[in-house]
Amino acid sequence: MPELPEVEHVVRALRVVVGRRIIASEIRLPKLIAPLSVSTFNRRVKDRSIRGISRRGKFILIELASDLALPHGRASDTPEPQKPARKQGHRTRSVRRNDNLILAVHLRMTGKFLYLNAEDELPKHSHAIFYLDNDRRLVFRDQRQFGVMKLISTAELSQTKGISELAPEPFGDEFNFEYFKSVLKRSRRSLKTLLLDQTKILGLGNIYAAEALFRARINPFKIASQLSLLRAASLHQSIVEVLSDAITDSSTSRIDLERPDGFSYGEAFERFWQVYEREGEPCFKCGARIRRLTHGGRSTYWCPRCQRR
């Protein structure tokens, strides 16, 4: 599963399509865009320009601006008649053509984007195809079919379920030590479990949680509220550093949107892993054997000597 550093690189690679206009779209897996219907989704994205691409946590945010050109057959910009609002008790908000939209995409386990020529063969598991104004296609493929696409108005982004609950960005000013300290103080969970909670600490998956704890020399099973201020400060710094290093050190990885099998998530930073997937191998710092334990349904890796309780 791609973690925040990999998603950041996907976002950077996707910016090649900024400025392009969506001529049409094709949805082959309706549940990908639920609860919207395929016809509604296709109608809303048609003729919109891709204005920018960013992310919030592991959500990829594709900004879609309405095309200023008038639809075919229209002689003025007079608004089309709106359907009457539903009766009181039902909340509804119509999305007008001049509204800016956000296509929020979560890759989940196996979601990937491709940027293909018109003559390129579509790979298996291609579930969403966006036809662009340069005769190329932006394709979303997902073998496990866990990926999600949400089409929402820009104004509603911060209130969208799955996004509104996210913790502050790890590289932003809001993720300061005071915030981190308050999160630890209120939690009776183990540190490893807490670090994976995206509503508390954003950006860490199983890999980078293990690596951040190792850098800080902190046992993953320690109760969060019992961590001293000194060690909490060390862990806070390690979280920011390990994510930053993963992005920087992975900068040479090939996220090639034009090759269906041109990359796999996490492969570029793998050579820097200190404990993750190194069970039984000697610790790079002290030589003790790295241990693994299933904890919270996931494998937890740590050095029993460097990360004593």
Protein backbone atom coordinates (compact mmCIF):
# COMPACT_ATOMS: atom_id res chain seq x y z
CA MET A 1 0.00 0.00 0.00
CA PRO A 2 1.42 3.43 -0.89
CA GLU A 3 2.21 5.59 2.12
CA LEU A 4 2.40 9.38 2.22
CA PRO A 5 5.84 9.72 0.58
CA GLU A 6 4.75 7.54 -2.35
CA VAL A 7 1.50 9.48 -2.71
CA GLU A 8 3.51 12.71 -2.76
CA HIS A 9 5.54 11.38 -5.68
CA VAL A 10 2.41 10.28 -7.52
CA VAL A 11 1.05 13.82 -7.10
CA ARG A 12 4.25 15.30 -8.54
CA ALA A 13 4.17 12.90 -11.49
CA LEU A 14 0.50 13.63 -12.18
CA ARG A 15 1.16 17.34 -12.59
CA VAL A 16 2.07 16.60 -16.19
CA VAL A 17 -1.68 16.79 -16.95
CA VAL A 18 -2.25 20.19 -15.31
CA GLY A 19 -3.72 22.53 -17.93
CA ARG A 20 -5.33 19.72 -19.92
CA ARG A 21 -9.09 19.56 -20.45
CA ILE A 22 -11.22 16.46 -19.94
CA ILE A 23 -13.12 15.77 -23.16
CA ALA A 24 -14.95 12.75 -21.78
CA SER A 25 -14.65 10.08 -19.10
CA GLU A 26 -15.46 6.39 -18.84
CA ILE A 27 -16.16 4.58 -15.58
CA ARG A 28 -15.95 0.79 -15.75
CA LEU A 29 -16.30 0.13 -12.03
CA PRO A 30 -19.34 2.04 -10.70
CA LYS A 31 -18.51 1.42 -7.02
CA LEU A 32 -15.32 3.46 -7.52
CA ILE A 33 -17.35 6.69 -7.65
CA ALA A 34 -20.30 5.70 -5.42
CA PRO A 35 -22.72 7.15 -4.44
CA LEU A 36 -22.66 9.14 -7.70
CA SER A 37 -24.07 7.43 -10.76
CA VAL A 38 -21.80 6.93 -13.75
CA SER A 39 -23.89 9.28 -15.90
CA THR A 40 -23.80 12.04 -13.27
CA PHE A 41 -20.05 11.69 -12.77
CA ASN A 42 -19.33 11.77 -16.51
CA ARG A 43 -21.54 14.82 -17.00
CA ARG A 44 -19.93 16.78 -14.17
CA VAL A 45 -16.31 16.24 -15.24
CA LYS A 46 -16.89 16.71 -18.98
CA ASP A 47 -15.19 19.81 -20.43
CA ARG A 48 -13.49 20.71 -17.17
CA SER A 49 -9.84 21.75 -17.06
CA ILE A 50 -7.32 20.26 -14.65
CA ARG A 51 -6.20 23.35 -12.75
CA GLY A 52 -3.92 21.79 -10.13
CA ILE A 53 -3.01 18.61 -8.27
CA SER A 54 -2.15 18.38 -4.60
CA ARG A 55 -2.87 16.07 -1.69
CA ARG A 56 -4.39 15.99 1.80
CA GLY A 57 -2.90 13.10 3.70
CA LYS A 58 -3.04 10.22 1.24
CA PHE A 59 -5.92 11.70 -0.74
CA ILE A 60 -4.86 12.98 -4.16
CA LEU A 61 -6.78 16.19 -4.91
CA ILE A 62 -7.34 16.97 -8.59
CA GLU A 63 -8.78 20.48 -9.07
CA LEU A 64 -11.28 20.68 -11.90
CA ALA A 65 -12.25 24.15 -13.16
CA SER A 66 -15.29 24.76 -15.30
CA ASP A 67 -14.53 25.60 -18.90
CA LEU A 68 -15.29 29.23 -19.66
CA ALA A 69 -16.38 28.35 -23.18
CA LEU A 70 -20.14 27.99 -23.62
CA PRO A 71 -21.57 24.52 -24.27
CA HIS A 72 -22.41 23.67 -27.86
CA GLY A 73 -25.73 25.18 -28.94
CA ARG A 74 -25.72 27.85 -26.23
CA ALA A 75 -25.74 31.49 -27.35
CA SER A 76 -25.40 33.12 -23.95
CA ASP A 77 -24.35 32.39 -20.40
CA THR A 78 -27.90 32.41 -19.10
CA PRO A 79 -28.10 29.75 -16.39
CA GLU A 80 -29.94 26.60 -17.29
CA PRO A 81 -33.17 26.00 -15.37
CA GLN A 82 -32.50 24.40 -12.02
CA LYS A 83 -34.45 21.47 -10.69
CA PRO A 84 -36.65 22.42 -7.73
CA ALA A 85 -35.15 21.77 -4.31
CA ARG A 86 -36.33 18.79 -2.36
CA LYS A 87 -38.86 19.24 0.37
CA GLN A 88 -37.70 20.35 3.79
CA GLY A 89 -35.98 17.55 5.66
CA HIS A 90 -33.80 16.50 2.71
CA ARG A 91 -30.49 18.32 2.31
CA THR A 92 -29.31 18.86 -1.24
CA ARG A 93 -26.81 21.01 -3.04
CA SER A 94 -26.81 21.34 -6.80
CA VAL A 95 -23.44 21.52 -8.49
CA ARG A 96 -23.51 24.15 -11.21
CA ARG A 97 -21.24 24.20 -14.20
CA ASN A 98 -19.35 27.26 -12.96
CA ASP A 99 -18.54 25.57 -9.63
CA ASN A 100 -14.99 24.34 -9.20
CA LEU A 101 -14.76 20.69 -8.23
CA ILE A 102 -12.23 18.47 -6.52
CA LEU A 103 -11.72 14.87 -7.60
CA ALA A 104 -10.40 13.31 -4.39
CA VAL A 105 -8.70 9.97 -5.06
CA HIS A 106 -7.47 7.45 -2.51
CA LEU A 107 -5.24 4.77 -4.01
CA ARG A 108 -5.74 2.36 -1.10
CA MET A 109 -3.73 -0.85 -1.70
CA THR A 110 -3.14 -1.14 -5.46
CA GLY A 111 -4.50 2.00 -7.12
CA LYS A 112 -2.27 3.55 -9.80
CA PHE A 113 -2.54 6.26 -12.44
CA LEU A 114 -1.29 5.90 -16.01
CA TYR A 115 -0.85 8.51 -18.74
CA LEU A 116 -1.32 6.76 -22.07
CA ASN A 117 -1.42 7.58 -25.75
CA ALA A 118 -4.60 6.97 -27.70
CA GLU A 119 -3.11 3.89 -29.38
CA ASP A 120 -1.72 2.32 -26.19
CA GLU A 121 -3.48 -0.82 -25.04
CA LEU A 122 -5.40 -0.43 -21.81
CA PRO A 123 -3.94 -2.68 -19.10
CA LYS A 124 -6.07 -5.00 -17.01
CA HIS A 125 -8.02 -3.52 -14.13
CA SER A 126 -8.46 -0.11 -15.79
CA HIS A 127 -11.54 1.23 -14.01
CA ALA A 128 -11.58 4.94 -14.89
CA ILE A 129 -10.45 6.57 -18.14
CA PHE A 130 -10.27 10.33 -18.69
CA TYR A 131 -9.94 11.40 -22.32
CA LEU A 132 -7.90 14.60 -22.56
CA ASP A 133 -7.72 17.34 -25.15
CA ASN A 134 -4.25 16.27 -26.33
CA ASP A 135 -5.46 12.85 -27.54
CA ARG A 136 -4.04 11.15 -24.46
CA ARG A 137 -5.77 9.34 -21.60
CA LEU A 138 -5.38 9.51 -17.84
CA VAL A 139 -6.21 6.02 -16.58
CA PHE A 140 -6.86 4.76 -13.07
CA ARG A 141 -6.22 1.05 -12.56
CA ASP A 142 -6.72 -0.92 -9.37
CA GLN A 143 -6.29 -4.67 -9.18
CA ARG A 144 -7.80 -5.07 -5.70
CA GLN A 145 -10.64 -2.58 -6.37
CA PHE A 146 -10.32 -0.82 -3.01
CA GLY A 147 -9.58 2.62 -4.47
CA VAL A 148 -12.01 5.51 -4.03
CA MET A 149 -12.94 8.59 -6.08
CA LYS A 150 -15.02 11.39 -4.58
CA LEU A 151 -16.26 14.29 -6.70
CA ILE A 152 -16.96 17.22 -4.42
CA SER A 153 -17.20 20.99 -4.61
CA THR A 154 -14.17 22.99 -3.51
CA ALA A 155 -16.20 24.65 -0.78
CA GLU A 156 -17.13 21.29 0.76
CA LEU A 157 -13.66 19.76 0.76
CA SER A 158 -12.86 20.43 4.40
CA GLN A 159 -16.20 18.94 5.50
CA THR A 160 -15.91 15.76 3.42
CA LYS A 161 -15.98 12.50 5.35
CA GLY A 162 -12.58 10.85 5.34
CA ILE A 163 -10.83 14.20 4.88
CA SER A 164 -12.34 16.36 7.60
CA GLU A 165 -11.14 13.97 10.31
CA LEU A 166 -7.49 13.98 9.24
CA ALA A 167 -4.78 15.21 11.58
CA PRO A 168 -2.53 18.17 10.62
CA GLU A 169 -0.07 17.66 7.78
CA PRO A 170 3.31 16.46 9.14
CA PHE A 171 5.23 19.24 7.37
CA GLY A 172 2.84 22.02 8.39
CA ASP A 173 3.06 24.46 11.28
CA GLU A 174 0.09 22.84 13.02
CA PHE A 175 2.02 19.62 13.57
CA ASN A 176 4.19 21.17 16.24
CA PHE A 177 5.49 19.62 19.43
CA GLU A 178 2.66 21.08 21.53
CA TYR A 179 0.10 19.35 19.33
CA PHE A 180 2.08 16.09 19.37
CA LYS A 181 2.49 16.22 23.14
CA SER A 182 -1.25 16.70 23.67
CA VAL A 183 -2.06 13.71 21.44
CA LEU A 184 0.30 11.47 23.40
CA LYS A 185 -0.99 12.66 26.74
CA ARG A 186 -4.60 11.74 25.92
CA SER A 187 -3.88 8.23 24.60
CA ARG A 188 -3.67 4.93 26.45
CA ARG A 189 -2.84 3.05 23.29
CA SER A 190 0.57 1.70 22.34
CA LEU A 191 2.74 4.11 20.38
CA LYS A 192 2.72 1.95 17.25
CA THR A 193 -1.09 1.81 17.23
CA LEU A 194 -1.41 5.54 17.85
CA LEU A 195 1.04 6.47 15.09
CA LEU A 196 -1.09 4.61 12.54
CA ASP A 197 -4.24 6.57 13.46
CA GLN A 198 -4.51 9.17 10.69
CA THR A 199 -6.89 11.29 12.75
CA LYS A 200 -4.13 11.79 15.34
CA ILE A 201 -0.82 11.53 13.48
CA LEU A 202 -0.96 11.95 9.72
CA GLY A 203 1.25 10.30 7.15
CA LEU A 204 2.67 7.23 8.90
CA GLY A 205 1.84 3.77 7.63
CA ASN A 206 3.29 0.51 8.87
CA ILE A 207 6.69 1.08 7.25
CA TYR A 208 7.41 4.62 8.39
CA ALA A 209 5.92 4.16 11.86
CA ALA A 210 8.43 1.35 12.46
CA GLU A 211 11.28 3.41 11.04
CA ALA A 212 10.40 6.55 13.04
CA LEU A 213 10.24 4.59 16.31
CA PHE A 214 13.59 2.98 15.56
CA ARG A 215 15.24 6.32 14.82
CA ALA A 216 13.96 7.65 18.14
CA ARG A 217 15.07 4.42 19.90
CA ILE A 218 11.58 3.96 21.38
CA ASN A 219 9.80 0.66 21.93
CA PRO A 220 6.68 0.40 19.74
CA PHE A 221 4.64 -1.23 22.52
CA LYS A 222 5.14 1.55 25.07
CA ILE A 223 1.94 3.31 26.16
CA ALA A 224 1.77 6.72 24.50
CA SER A 225 0.83 8.71 27.60
CA GLN A 226 3.82 7.28 29.49
CA LEU A 227 6.41 8.71 27.12
CA SER A 228 8.69 11.32 28.69
CA LEU A 229 8.87 14.82 27.21
CA LEU A 230 12.45 14.26 26.08
CA ARG A 231 11.60 11.06 24.22
CA ALA A 232 8.39 12.58 22.86
CA ALA A 233 10.44 15.40 21.35
CA SER A 234 12.79 12.86 19.80
CA LEU A 235 9.90 10.90 18.29
CA HIS A 236 8.27 14.06 16.92
CA GLN A 237 11.51 14.97 15.17
CA SER A 238 11.97 11.41 13.87
CA ILE A 239 8.48 11.36 12.34
CA VAL A 240 9.15 14.51 10.33
CA GLU A 241 12.64 13.38 9.35
CA VAL A 242 11.71 9.87 8.21
CA LEU A 243 8.88 11.16 6.00
CA SER A 244 11.06 13.93 4.61
CA ASP A 245 13.93 11.52 3.93
CA ALA A 246 11.58 9.06 2.24
CA ILE A 247 10.39 11.77 -0.14
CA THR A 248 13.88 13.11 -0.80
CA ASP A 249 15.66 9.77 -1.08
CA SER A 250 12.90 8.41 -3.29
CA SER A 251 13.21 11.35 -5.66
CA THR A 252 15.17 9.23 -8.10
CA SER A 253 12.52 6.48 -8.14
CA ARG A 254 10.77 6.00 -11.42
CA ILE A 255 7.08 6.69 -11.08
CA ASP A 256 6.57 6.35 -14.80
CA LEU A 257 2.93 7.05 -15.62
CA GLU A 258 3.49 5.83 -19.18
CA ARG A 259 4.53 2.30 -18.18
CA PRO A 260 1.86 0.13 -16.50
CA ASP A 261 4.47 -1.91 -14.64
CA GLY A 262 7.17 0.73 -14.41
CA PHE A 263 7.24 1.07 -10.64
CA SER A 264 6.05 -0.35 -7.34
CA TYR A 265 5.32 1.64 -4.23
CA GLY A 266 8.05 1.77 -1.60
CA GLU A 267 10.77 0.21 -3.71
CA ALA A 268 13.00 3.27 -3.87
CA PHE A 269 13.23 3.77 -0.09
CA GLU A 270 13.57 0.07 0.68
CA ARG A 271 17.34 0.20 0.73
CA PHE A 272 17.14 2.69 3.63
CA TRP A 273 14.90 0.56 5.87
CA GLN A 274 16.54 -0.03 9.23
CA VAL A 275 14.04 -2.49 10.76
CA TYR A 276 11.05 -2.97 8.47
CA GLU A 277 10.92 -6.47 6.92
CA ARG A 278 14.33 -7.30 8.46
CA GLU A 279 13.22 -9.95 10.96
CA GLY A 280 16.18 -12.03 12.13
CA GLU A 281 18.75 -9.77 10.50
CA PRO A 282 21.33 -7.89 12.59
CA CYS A 283 20.53 -4.35 13.69
CA PHE A 284 22.67 -1.84 11.81
CA LYS A 285 23.45 -0.04 15.08
CA CYS A 286 24.02 -2.74 17.70
CA GLY A 287 24.01 -6.10 15.92
CA ALA A 288 21.05 -7.56 17.82
CA ARG A 289 18.54 -9.55 15.77
CA ILE A 290 15.53 -7.59 14.57
CA ARG A 291 12.28 -8.97 15.93
CA ARG A 292 8.78 -9.10 14.49
CA LEU A 293 5.45 -9.44 16.24
CA THR A 294 1.90 -9.23 14.92
CA HIS A 295 0.39 -6.30 16.75
CA GLY A 296 -2.97 -4.74 15.98
CA GLY A 297 -3.31 -6.97 12.94
CA ARG A 298 0.00 -5.80 11.43
CA SER A 299 3.63 -6.82 11.64
CA THR A 300 5.68 -4.71 14.01
CA TYR A 301 9.48 -4.68 13.65
CA TRP A 302 11.91 -3.43 16.31
CA CYS A 303 15.36 -3.91 17.76
CA PRO A 304 15.11 -5.41 21.28
CA ARG A 305 18.37 -3.74 22.35
CA CYS A 306 18.08 -0.26 20.82
CA GLN A 307 14.35 0.00 21.56
CA ARG A 308 14.08 -1.32 25.09
CA ARG A 309 11.00 -0.42 27.12
